[in-house]
Structures are given as C-alpha cells and as structure tokens.
Amino acid sequence: MCYCYILYSQKLDRFYIGSTILKPEERLHSHLTNYYGKTKFTAKAKDWILTFNIKCHSIEQAQRIEHHIKRMKSKKYIQNLLTYPEISIKLLAKYS
C-alpha cells in the first residue's frame, strides 16, 4: 500500500503534505527524528502529528493526490478534507 498523508505542527501552525510507500506512522517517526536532515521543513518543529492519510493503490496515485492538495494552497481545503471524508473518496476516484 501507498499513502498520501498530512502532518500538522501546532508550534508552526502549518500543515505538511507528503506521499509514501511506508506506513504513515513510520514516515511520521522519520520526520520527528530528522531522518531527512536538519535543514528540511519538518525539522523546524518536533510536535508533528499525523492528522490525515489516504490509502492509495500506487505511489503515482498518492503523489497525484499530494500535488492536488498542495495546488489548492489552502488551510481551509485541508480542514474540509479532515472534516468531510467524502472528499478523499472523490480524490481517489479522480486520480485512479
């Protein structure tokens, strides 16, 4: 399985959107331990929490959904995604 996921940092009041072939919890651990380096965006905070993930059929699908969410450039869109699960169903159908 592959995933598109969203992390949230209260300290930064920012979201981070990514895609992975790992389980989202494993990827979160990598971000929290600076596995990707101390200069990366997620290294700026240590309070990241996994707020959302979508199980995808392929990494390509996960990346397309990730890019779609990033193109929206909107906290409100992400909050709606968290509130209304039917949006994720539509995203999976759109990018299948």
PDB file of N, CA and C in Angstrom:
ATOM      1  N   MET A   1       0.829  -1.190   0.000  1.00  0.00           N
ATOM      2  CA  MET A   1       0.000   0.000   0.000  1.00  0.00           C
ATOM      3  C   MET A   1       0.873   1.253   0.000  1.00  0.00           C
ATOM      4  N   CYS A   2       0.325   2.295  -0.535  1.00  0.00           N
ATOM      5  CA  CYS A   2       0.956   3.613  -0.542  1.00  0.00           C
ATOM      6  C   CYS A   2      -0.018   4.602   0.083  1.00  0.00           C
ATOM      7  N   TYR A   3       0.496   5.723   0.520  1.00  0.00           N
ATOM      8  CA  TYR A   3      -0.335   6.681   1.238  1.00  0.00           C
ATOM      9  C   TYR A   3       0.001   8.111   0.840  1.00  0.00           C
ATOM     10  N   CYS A   4      -1.000   8.951   0.873  1.00  0.00           N
ATOM     11  CA  CYS A   4      -0.832  10.395   0.895  1.00  0.00           C
ATOM     12  C   CYS A   4      -1.197  10.783   2.321  1.00  0.00           C
ATOM     13  N   TYR A   5      -0.384  11.623   2.954  1.00  0.00           N
ATOM     14  CA  TYR A   5      -0.621  11.938   4.367  1.00  0.00           C
ATOM     15  C   TYR A   5      -0.454  13.423   4.627  1.00  0.00           C
ATOM     16  N   ILE A   6      -1.051  13.858   5.733  1.00  0.00           N
ATOM     17  CA  ILE A   6      -0.940  15.259   6.153  1.00  0.00           C
ATOM     18  C   ILE A   6      -0.522  15.284   7.623  1.00  0.00           C
ATOM     19  N   LEU A   7       0.542  16.037   7.889  1.00  0.00           N
ATOM     20  CA  LEU A   7       1.011  16.262   9.254  1.00  0.00           C
ATOM     21  C   LEU A   7       0.654  17.686   9.651  1.00  0.00           C
ATOM     22  N   TYR A   8       0.530  17.909  10.952  1.00  0.00           N
ATOM     23  CA  TYR A   8       0.252  19.256  11.453  1.00  0.00           C
ATOM     24  C   TYR A   8       1.164  19.563  12.629  1.00  0.00           C
ATOM     25  N   SER A   9       1.711  20.778  12.646  1.00  0.00           N
ATOM     26  CA  SER A   9       2.517  21.265  13.757  1.00  0.00           C
ATOM     27  C   SER A   9       1.804  22.445  14.394  1.00  0.00           C
ATOM     28  N   GLN A  10       1.478  22.312  15.660  1.00  0.00           N
ATOM     29  CA  GLN A  10       0.837  23.419  16.376  1.00  0.00           C
ATOM     30  C   GLN A  10       1.836  24.558  16.569  1.00  0.00           C
ATOM     31  N   LYS A  11       3.097  24.222  16.817  1.00  0.00           N
ATOM     32  CA  LYS A  11       4.125  25.243  17.020  1.00  0.00           C
ATOM     33  C   LYS A  11       4.230  26.161  15.793  1.00  0.00           C
ATOM     34  N   LEU A  12       4.246  25.582  14.601  1.00  0.00           N
ATOM     35  CA  LEU A  12       4.357  26.359  13.371  1.00  0.00           C
ATOM     36  C   LEU A  12       2.998  26.787  12.817  1.00  0.00           C
ATOM     37  N   ASP A  13       1.948  26.138  13.310  1.00  0.00           N
ATOM     38  CA  ASP A  13       0.599  26.303  12.768  1.00  0.00           C
ATOM     39  C   ASP A  13       0.613  26.092  11.257  1.00  0.00           C
ATOM     40  N   ARG A  14       1.259  24.999  10.853  1.00  0.00           N
ATOM     41  CA  ARG A  14       1.407  24.672   9.433  1.00  0.00           C
ATOM     42  C   ARG A  14       1.117  23.198   9.215  1.00  0.00           C
ATOM     43  N   PHE A  15       0.698  22.894   7.990  1.00  0.00           N
ATOM     44  CA  PHE A  15       0.496  21.523   7.557  1.00  0.00           C
ATOM     45  C   PHE A  15       1.645  21.107   6.656  1.00  0.00           C
ATOM     46  N   TYR A  16       1.919  19.816   6.634  1.00  0.00           N
ATOM     47  CA  TYR A  16       2.895  19.242   5.716  1.00  0.00           C
ATOM     48  C   TYR A  16       2.187  18.112   4.978  1.00  0.00           C
ATOM     49  N   ILE A  17       2.239  18.127   3.665  1.00  0.00           N
ATOM     50  CA  ILE A  17       1.595  17.105   2.853  1.00  0.00           C
ATOM     51  C   ILE A  17       2.670  16.286   2.171  1.00  0.00           C
ATOM     52  N   GLY A  18       2.529  14.961   2.234  1.00  0.00           N
ATOM     53  CA  GLY A  18       3.505  14.090   1.608  1.00  0.00           C
ATOM     54  C   GLY A  18       2.880  12.806   1.111  1.00  0.00           C
ATOM     55  N   SER A  19       3.704  12.003   0.442  1.00  0.00           N
ATOM     56  CA  SER A  19       3.276  10.683  -0.015  1.00  0.00           C
ATOM     57  C   SER A  19       4.385   9.697   0.328  1.00  0.00           C
ATOM     58  N   THR A  20       4.006   8.429   0.500  1.00  0.00           N
ATOM     59  CA  THR A  20       4.985   7.454   0.957  1.00  0.00           C
ATOM     60  C   THR A  20       4.558   6.028   0.613  1.00  0.00           C
ATOM     61  N   ILE A  21       5.548   5.143   0.574  1.00  0.00           N
ATOM     62  CA  ILE A  21       5.266   3.707   0.451  1.00  0.00           C
ATOM     63  C   ILE A  21       5.313   3.046   1.826  1.00  0.00           C
ATOM     64  N   LEU A  22       5.743   3.826   2.818  1.00  0.00           N
ATOM     65  CA  LEU A  22       5.775   3.335   4.199  1.00  0.00           C
ATOM     66  C   LEU A  22       4.416   3.557   4.851  1.00  0.00           C
ATOM     67  N   LYS A  23       4.212   2.964   6.011  1.00  0.00           N
ATOM     68  CA  LYS A  23       3.016   3.292   6.789  1.00  0.00           C
ATOM     69  C   LYS A  23       3.166   4.738   7.264  1.00  0.00           C
ATOM     70  N   PRO A  24       2.078   5.484   7.304  1.00  0.00           N
ATOM     71  CA  PRO A  24       2.170   6.899   7.709  1.00  0.00           C
ATOM     72  C   PRO A  24       2.816   7.105   9.077  1.00  0.00           C
ATOM     73  N   GLU A  25       2.593   6.181  10.006  1.00  0.00           N
ATOM     74  CA  GLU A  25       3.198   6.298  11.339  1.00  0.00           C
ATOM     75  C   GLU A  25       4.717   6.169  11.260  1.00  0.00           C
ATOM     76  N   GLU A  26       5.212   5.301  10.352  1.00  0.00           N
ATOM     77  CA  GLU A  26       6.660   5.153  10.165  1.00  0.00           C
ATOM     78  C   GLU A  26       7.249   6.430   9.566  1.00  0.00           C
ATOM     79  N   ARG A  27       6.534   6.987   8.610  1.00  0.00           N
ATOM     80  CA  ARG A  27       7.006   8.218   7.973  1.00  0.00           C
ATOM     81  C   ARG A  27       7.018   9.368   8.977  1.00  0.00           C
ATOM     82  N   LEU A  28       6.005   9.441   9.825  1.00  0.00           N
ATOM     83  CA  LEU A  28       5.964  10.461  10.876  1.00  0.00           C
ATOM     84  C   LEU A  28       7.193  10.336  11.769  1.00  0.00           C
ATOM     85  N   HIS A  29       7.515   9.123  12.170  1.00  0.00           N
ATOM     86  CA  HIS A  29       8.689   8.896  13.022  1.00  0.00           C
ATOM     87  C   HIS A  29       9.960   9.412  12.330  1.00  0.00           C
ATOM     88  N   SER A  30      10.074   9.171  11.026  1.00  0.00           N
ATOM     89  CA  SER A  30      11.238   9.656  10.280  1.00  0.00           C
ATOM     90  C   SER A  30      11.321  11.182  10.314  1.00  0.00           C
ATOM     91  N   HIS A  31      10.185  11.839  10.171  1.00  0.00           N
ATOM     92  CA  HIS A  31      10.170  13.314  10.224  1.00  0.00           C
ATOM     93  C   HIS A  31      10.552  13.810  11.618  1.00  0.00           C
ATOM     94  N   LEU A  32      10.054  13.154  12.643  1.00  0.00           N
ATOM     95  CA  LEU A  32      10.327  13.596  14.017  1.00  0.00           C
ATOM     96  C   LEU A  32      11.771  13.385  14.437  1.00  0.00           C
ATOM     97  N   THR A  33      12.456  12.425  13.832  1.00  0.00           N
ATOM     98  CA  THR A  33      13.843  12.123  14.203  1.00  0.00           C
ATOM     99  C   THR A  33      14.863  12.732  13.251  1.00  0.00           C
ATOM    100  N   ASN A  34      14.412  13.672  12.403  1.00  0.00           N
ATOM    101  CA  ASN A  34      15.296  14.341  11.437  1.00  0.00           C
ATOM    102  C   ASN A  34      16.014  13.366  10.501  1.00  0.00           C
ATOM    103  N   TYR A  35      15.368  12.281  10.180  1.00  0.00           N
ATOM    104  CA  TYR A  35      15.934  11.293   9.259  1.00  0.00           C
ATOM    105  C   TYR A  35      16.271  11.923   7.914  1.00  0.00           C
ATOM    106  N   TYR A  36      15.488  12.910   7.504  1.00  0.00           N
ATOM    107  CA  TYR A  36      15.673  13.545   6.198  1.00  0.00           C
ATOM    108  C   TYR A  36      16.606  14.748   6.258  1.00  0.00           C
ATOM    109  N   GLY A  37      17.189  15.011   7.420  1.00  0.00           N
ATOM    110  CA  GLY A  37      18.139  16.106   7.561  1.00  0.00           C
ATOM    111  C   GLY A  37      17.613  17.213   8.453  1.00  0.00           C
ATOM    112  N   LYS A  38      18.539  17.985   9.000  1.00  0.00           N
ATOM    113  CA  LYS A  38      18.174  19.050   9.934  1.00  0.00           C
ATOM    114  C   LYS A  38      17.771  20.340   9.239  1.00  0.00           C
ATOM    115  N   THR A  39      17.929  20.418   7.924  1.00  0.00           N
ATOM    116  CA  THR A  39      17.572  21.632   7.199  1.00  0.00           C
ATOM    117  C   THR A  39      16.225  21.512   6.486  1.00  0.00           C
ATOM    118  N   LYS A  40      15.604  20.366   6.549  1.00  0.00           N
ATOM    119  CA  LYS A  40      14.312  20.175   5.882  1.00  0.00           C
ATOM    120  C   LYS A  40      13.197  20.861   6.666  1.00  0.00           C
ATOM    121  N   PHE A  41      12.083  21.114   5.982  1.00  0.00           N
ATOM    122  CA  PHE A  41      10.969  21.844   6.579  1.00  0.00           C
ATOM    123  C   PHE A  41      10.472  21.206   7.871  1.00  0.00           C
ATOM    124  N   THR A  42      10.317  19.894   7.885  1.00  0.00           N
ATOM    125  CA  THR A  42       9.754  19.245   9.078  1.00  0.00           C
ATOM    126  C   THR A  42      10.720  19.235  10.257  1.00  0.00           C
ATOM    127  N   ALA A  43      11.982  19.573  10.028  1.00  0.00           N
ATOM    128  CA  ALA A  43      12.946  19.632  11.129  1.00  0.00           C
ATOM    129  C   ALA A  43      12.746  20.889  11.985  1.00  0.00           C
ATOM    130  N   LYS A  44      11.926  21.821  11.519  1.00  0.00           N
ATOM    131  CA  LYS A  44      11.698  23.076  12.246  1.00  0.00           C
ATOM    132  C   LYS A  44      10.844  22.893  13.491  1.00  0.00           C
ATOM    133  N   ALA A  45      10.169  21.750  13.608  1.00  0.00           N
ATOM    134  CA  ALA A  45       9.303  21.502  14.768  1.00  0.00           C
ATOM    135  C   ALA A  45       9.389  20.036  15.164  1.00  0.00           C
ATOM    136  N   LYS A  46       9.101  19.772  16.413  1.00  0.00           N
ATOM    137  CA  LYS A  46       9.126  18.395  16.933  1.00  0.00           C
ATOM    138  C   LYS A  46       7.744  17.961  17.407  1.00  0.00           C
ATOM    139  N   ASP A  47       6.719  18.729  17.059  1.00  0.00           N
ATOM    140  CA  ASP A  47       5.375  18.397  17.543  1.00  0.00           C
ATOM    141  C   ASP A  47       4.442  17.944  16.410  1.00  0.00           C
ATOM    142  N   TRP A  48       5.006  17.424  15.318  1.00  0.00           N
ATOM    143  CA  TRP A  48       4.182  16.974  14.197  1.00  0.00           C
ATOM    144  C   TRP A  48       3.270  15.841  14.640  1.00  0.00           C
ATOM    145  N   ILE A  49       2.021  15.922  14.189  1.00  0.00           N
ATOM    146  CA  ILE A  49       1.085  14.823  14.422  1.00  0.00           C
ATOM    147  C   ILE A  49       0.463  14.447  13.083  1.00  0.00           C
ATOM    148  N   LEU A  50       0.172  13.181  12.943  1.00  0.00           N
ATOM    149  CA  LEU A  50      -0.484  12.682  11.738  1.00  0.00           C
ATOM    150  C   LEU A  50      -1.964  13.006  11.853  1.00  0.00           C
ATOM    151  N   THR A  51      -2.453  13.870  10.957  1.00  0.00           N
ATOM    152  CA  THR A  51      -3.851  14.274  11.042  1.00  0.00           C
ATOM    153  C   THR A  51      -4.723  13.595  10.003  1.00  0.00           C
ATOM    154  N   PHE A  52      -4.116  13.076   8.932  1.00  0.00           N
ATOM    155  CA  PHE A  52      -4.909  12.537   7.834  1.00  0.00           C
ATOM    156  C   PHE A  52      -4.048  11.645   6.960  1.00  0.00           C
ATOM    157  N   ASN A  53      -4.639  10.575   6.445  1.00  0.00           N
ATOM    158  CA  ASN A  53      -3.962   9.796   5.411  1.00  0.00           C
ATOM    159  C   ASN A  53      -4.993   9.110   4.527  1.00  0.00           C
ATOM    160  N   ILE A  54      -4.608   8.933   3.270  1.00  0.00           N
ATOM    161  CA  ILE A  54      -5.445   8.259   2.291  1.00  0.00           C
ATOM    162  C   ILE A  54      -4.656   7.058   1.781  1.00  0.00           C
ATOM    163  N   LYS A  55      -5.251   5.892   1.862  1.00  0.00           N
ATOM    164  CA  LYS A  55      -4.625   4.680   1.353  1.00  0.00           C
ATOM    165  C   LYS A  55      -4.823   4.643  -0.160  1.00  0.00           C
ATOM    166  N   CYS A  56      -3.718   4.545  -0.904  1.00  0.00           N
ATOM    167  CA  CYS A  56      -3.753   4.582  -2.368  1.00  0.00           C
ATOM    168  C   CYS A  56      -3.281   3.252  -2.950  1.00  0.00           C
ATOM    169  N   HIS A  57      -3.597   3.047  -4.230  1.00  0.00           N
ATOM    170  CA  HIS A  57      -3.228   1.796  -4.908  1.00  0.00           C
ATOM    171  C   HIS A  57      -1.785   1.800  -5.396  1.00  0.00           C
ATOM    172  N   SER A  58      -1.237   2.983  -5.641  1.00  0.00           N
ATOM    173  CA  SER A  58       0.132   3.080  -6.147  1.00  0.00           C
ATOM    174  C   SER A  58       0.766   4.372  -5.647  1.00  0.00           C
ATOM    175  N   ILE A  59       2.079   4.423  -5.745  1.00  0.00           N
ATOM    176  CA  ILE A  59       2.777   5.643  -5.330  1.00  0.00           C
ATOM    177  C   ILE A  59       2.433   6.790  -6.278  1.00  0.00           C
ATOM    178  N   GLU A  60       2.190   6.473  -7.548  1.00  0.00           N
ATOM    179  CA  GLU A  60       1.807   7.509  -8.508  1.00  0.00           C
ATOM    180  C   GLU A  60       0.475   8.159  -8.107  1.00  0.00           C
ATOM    181  N   GLN A  61      -0.488   7.343  -7.698  1.00  0.00           N
ATOM    182  CA  GLN A  61      -1.777   7.875  -7.257  1.00  0.00           C
ATOM    183  C   GLN A  61      -1.593   8.743  -6.009  1.00  0.00           C
ATOM    184  N   ALA A  62      -0.793   8.267  -5.071  1.00  0.00           N
ATOM    185  CA  ALA A  62      -0.530   9.030  -3.841  1.00  0.00           C
ATOM    186  C   ALA A  62       0.123  10.367  -4.168  1.00  0.00           C
ATOM    187  N   GLN A  63       1.058  10.373  -5.104  1.00  0.00           N
ATOM    188  CA  GLN A  63       1.742  11.610  -5.480  1.00  0.00           C
ATOM    189  C   GLN A  63       0.805  12.571  -6.198  1.00  0.00           C
ATOM    190  N   ARG A  64      -0.089  12.051  -7.028  1.00  0.00           N
ATOM    191  CA  ARG A  64      -1.057  12.919  -7.709  1.00  0.00           C
ATOM    192  C   ARG A  64      -1.988  13.590  -6.708  1.00  0.00           C
ATOM    193  N   ILE A  65      -2.442  12.821  -5.717  1.00  0.00           N
ATOM    194  CA  ILE A  65      -3.309  13.395  -4.682  1.00  0.00           C
ATOM    195  C   ILE A  65      -2.534  14.421  -3.860  1.00  0.00           C
ATOM    196  N   GLU A  66      -1.286  14.100  -3.518  1.00  0.00           N
ATOM    197  CA  GLU A  66      -0.433  15.051  -2.793  1.00  0.00           C
ATOM    198  C   GLU A  66      -0.324  16.373  -3.556  1.00  0.00           C
ATOM    199  N   HIS A  67      -0.037  16.293  -4.850  1.00  0.00           N
ATOM    200  CA  HIS A  67       0.109  17.505  -5.658  1.00  0.00           C
ATOM    201  C   HIS A  67      -1.210  18.271  -5.773  1.00  0.00           C
ATOM    202  N   HIS A  68      -2.313  17.543  -5.851  1.00  0.00           N
ATOM    203  CA  HIS A  68      -3.618  18.191  -5.895  1.00  0.00           C
ATOM    204  C   HIS A  68      -3.843  19.023  -4.625  1.00  0.00           C
ATOM    205  N   ILE A  69      -3.579  18.422  -3.472  1.00  0.00           N
ATOM    206  CA  ILE A  69      -3.780  19.121  -2.201  1.00  0.00           C
ATOM    207  C   ILE A  69      -2.846  20.327  -2.109  1.00  0.00           C
ATOM    208  N   LYS A  70      -1.598  20.167  -2.523  1.00  0.00           N
ATOM    209  CA  LYS A  70      -0.649  21.281  -2.481  1.00  0.00           C
ATOM    210  C   LYS A  70      -1.052  22.406  -3.426  1.00  0.00           C
ATOM    211  N   ARG A  71      -1.588  22.059  -4.604  1.00  0.00           N
ATOM    212  CA  ARG A  71      -2.021  23.083  -5.561  1.00  0.00           C
ATOM    213  C   ARG A  71      -3.166  23.930  -5.015  1.00  0.00           C
ATOM    214  N   MET A  72      -3.941  23.363  -4.109  1.00  0.00           N
ATOM    215  CA  MET A  72      -5.059  24.117  -3.529  1.00  0.00           C
ATOM    216  C   MET A  72      -4.549  25.273  -2.655  1.00  0.00           C
ATOM    217  N   LYS A  73      -3.357  25.127  -2.080  1.00  0.00           N
ATOM    218  CA  LYS A  73      -2.721  26.168  -1.265  1.00  0.00           C
ATOM    219  C   LYS A  73      -3.684  26.772  -0.248  1.00  0.00           C
ATOM    220  N   SER A  74      -4.366  25.909   0.497  1.00  0.00           N
ATOM    221  CA  SER A  74      -5.406  26.404   1.378  1.00  0.00           C
ATOM    222  C   SER A  74      -5.524  25.566   2.643  1.00  0.00           C
ATOM    223  N   LYS A  75      -5.392  26.224   3.789  1.00  0.00           N
ATOM    224  CA  LYS A  75      -5.645  25.539   5.065  1.00  0.00           C
ATOM    225  C   LYS A  75      -7.104  25.134   5.152  1.00  0.00           C
ATOM    226  N   LYS A  76      -7.970  25.972   4.607  1.00  0.00           N
ATOM    227  CA  LYS A  76      -9.408  25.684   4.635  1.00  0.00           C
ATOM    228  C   LYS A  76      -9.707  24.392   3.863  1.00  0.00           C
ATOM    229  N   TYR A  77      -9.058  24.192   2.726  1.00  0.00           N
ATOM    230  CA  TYR A  77      -9.254  22.959   1.956  1.00  0.00           C
ATOM    231  C   TYR A  77      -8.819  21.747   2.782  1.00  0.00           C
ATOM    232  N   ILE A  78      -7.679  21.851   3.437  1.00  0.00           N
ATOM    233  CA  ILE A  78      -7.188  20.748   4.269  1.00  0.00           C
ATOM    234  C   ILE A  78      -8.147  20.493   5.421  1.00  0.00           C
ATOM    235  N   GLN A  79      -8.635  21.548   6.050  1.00  0.00           N
ATOM    236  CA  GLN A  79      -9.598  21.374   7.145  1.00  0.00           C
ATOM    237  C   GLN A  79     -10.884  20.718   6.645  1.00  0.00           C
ATOM    238  N   ASN A  80     -11.329  21.084   5.443  1.00  0.00           N
ATOM    239  CA  ASN A  80     -12.504  20.430   4.861  1.00  0.00           C
ATOM    240  C   ASN A  80     -12.212  18.959   4.559  1.00  0.00           C
ATOM    241  N   LEU A  81     -11.015  18.678   4.110  1.00  0.00           N
ATOM    242  CA  LEU A  81     -10.611  17.293   3.847  1.00  0.00           C
ATOM    243  C   LEU A  81     -10.665  16.465   5.126  1.00  0.00           C
ATOM    244  N   LEU A  82     -10.277  17.071   6.240  1.00  0.00           N
ATOM    245  CA  LEU A  82     -10.307  16.382   7.530  1.00  0.00           C
ATOM    246  C   LEU A  82     -11.736  16.208   8.043  1.00  0.00           C
ATOM    247  N   THR A  83     -12.596  17.156   7.723  1.00  0.00           N
ATOM    248  CA  THR A  83     -13.975  17.147   8.221  1.00  0.00           C
ATOM    249  C   THR A  83     -14.909  16.289   7.377  1.00  0.00           C
ATOM    250  N   TYR A  84     -14.711  16.307   6.063  1.00  0.00           N
ATOM    251  CA  TYR A  84     -15.619  15.625   5.144  1.00  0.00           C
ATOM    252  C   TYR A  84     -14.896  14.491   4.404  1.00  0.00           C
ATOM    253  N   PRO A  85     -15.004  13.255   4.888  1.00  0.00           N
ATOM    254  CA  PRO A  85     -14.286  12.132   4.281  1.00  0.00           C
ATOM    255  C   PRO A  85     -14.688  11.854   2.826  1.00  0.00           C
ATOM    256  N   GLU A  86     -15.846  12.323   2.404  1.00  0.00           N
ATOM    257  CA  GLU A  86     -16.263  12.082   1.020  1.00  0.00           C
ATOM    258  C   GLU A  86     -15.341  12.781   0.018  1.00  0.00           C
ATOM    259  N   ILE A  87     -14.626  13.815   0.446  1.00  0.00           N
ATOM    260  CA  ILE A  87     -13.673  14.471  -0.429  1.00  0.00           C
ATOM    261  C   ILE A  87     -12.544  13.513  -0.787  1.00  0.00           C
ATOM    262  N   SER A  88     -12.076  12.744   0.181  1.00  0.00           N
ATOM    263  CA  SER A  88     -10.984  11.799  -0.110  1.00  0.00           C
ATOM    264  C   SER A  88     -11.449  10.694  -1.055  1.00  0.00           C
ATOM    265  N   ILE A  89     -12.709  10.294  -0.964  1.00  0.00           N
ATOM    266  CA  ILE A  89     -13.251   9.291  -1.874  1.00  0.00           C
ATOM    267  C   ILE A  89     -13.263   9.843  -3.298  1.00  0.00           C
ATOM    268  N   LYS A  90     -13.624  11.122  -3.433  1.00  0.00           N
ATOM    269  CA  LYS A  90     -13.628  11.756  -4.753  1.00  0.00           C
ATOM    270  C   LYS A  90     -12.201  11.886  -5.302  1.00  0.00           C
ATOM    271  N   LEU A  91     -11.245  12.185  -4.435  1.00  0.00           N
ATOM    272  CA  LEU A  91      -9.849  12.279  -4.877  1.00  0.00           C
ATOM    273  C   LEU A  91      -9.337  10.934  -5.368  1.00  0.00           C
ATOM    274  N   LEU A  92      -9.661   9.868  -4.642  1.00  0.00           N
ATOM    275  CA  LEU A  92      -9.235   8.533  -5.073  1.00  0.00           C
ATOM    276  C   LEU A  92      -9.841   8.179  -6.429  1.00  0.00           C
ATOM    277  N   ALA A  93     -11.098   8.519  -6.634  1.00  0.00           N
ATOM    278  CA  ALA A  93     -11.751   8.243  -7.922  1.00  0.00           C
ATOM    279  C   ALA A  93     -11.135   9.094  -9.037  1.00  0.00           C
ATOM    280  N   LYS A  94     -10.882  10.359  -8.751  1.00  0.00           N
ATOM    281  CA  LYS A  94     -10.339  11.268  -9.765  1.00  0.00           C
ATOM    282  C   LYS A  94      -8.955  10.837 -10.222  1.00  0.00           C
ATOM    283  N   TYR A  95      -8.138  10.361  -9.300  1.00  0.00           N
ATOM    284  CA  TYR A  95      -6.754  10.020  -9.609  1.00  0.00           C
ATOM    285  C   TYR A  95      -6.512   8.519  -9.662  1.00  0.00           C
ATOM    286  N   SER A  96      -7.517   7.742  -9.992  1.00  0.00           N
ATOM    287  CA  SER A  96      -7.335   6.272 -10.076  1.00  0.00           C
ATOM    288  C   SER A  96      -6.760   5.871 -11.403  1.00  0.00           C
TER     289      SER A  96
END
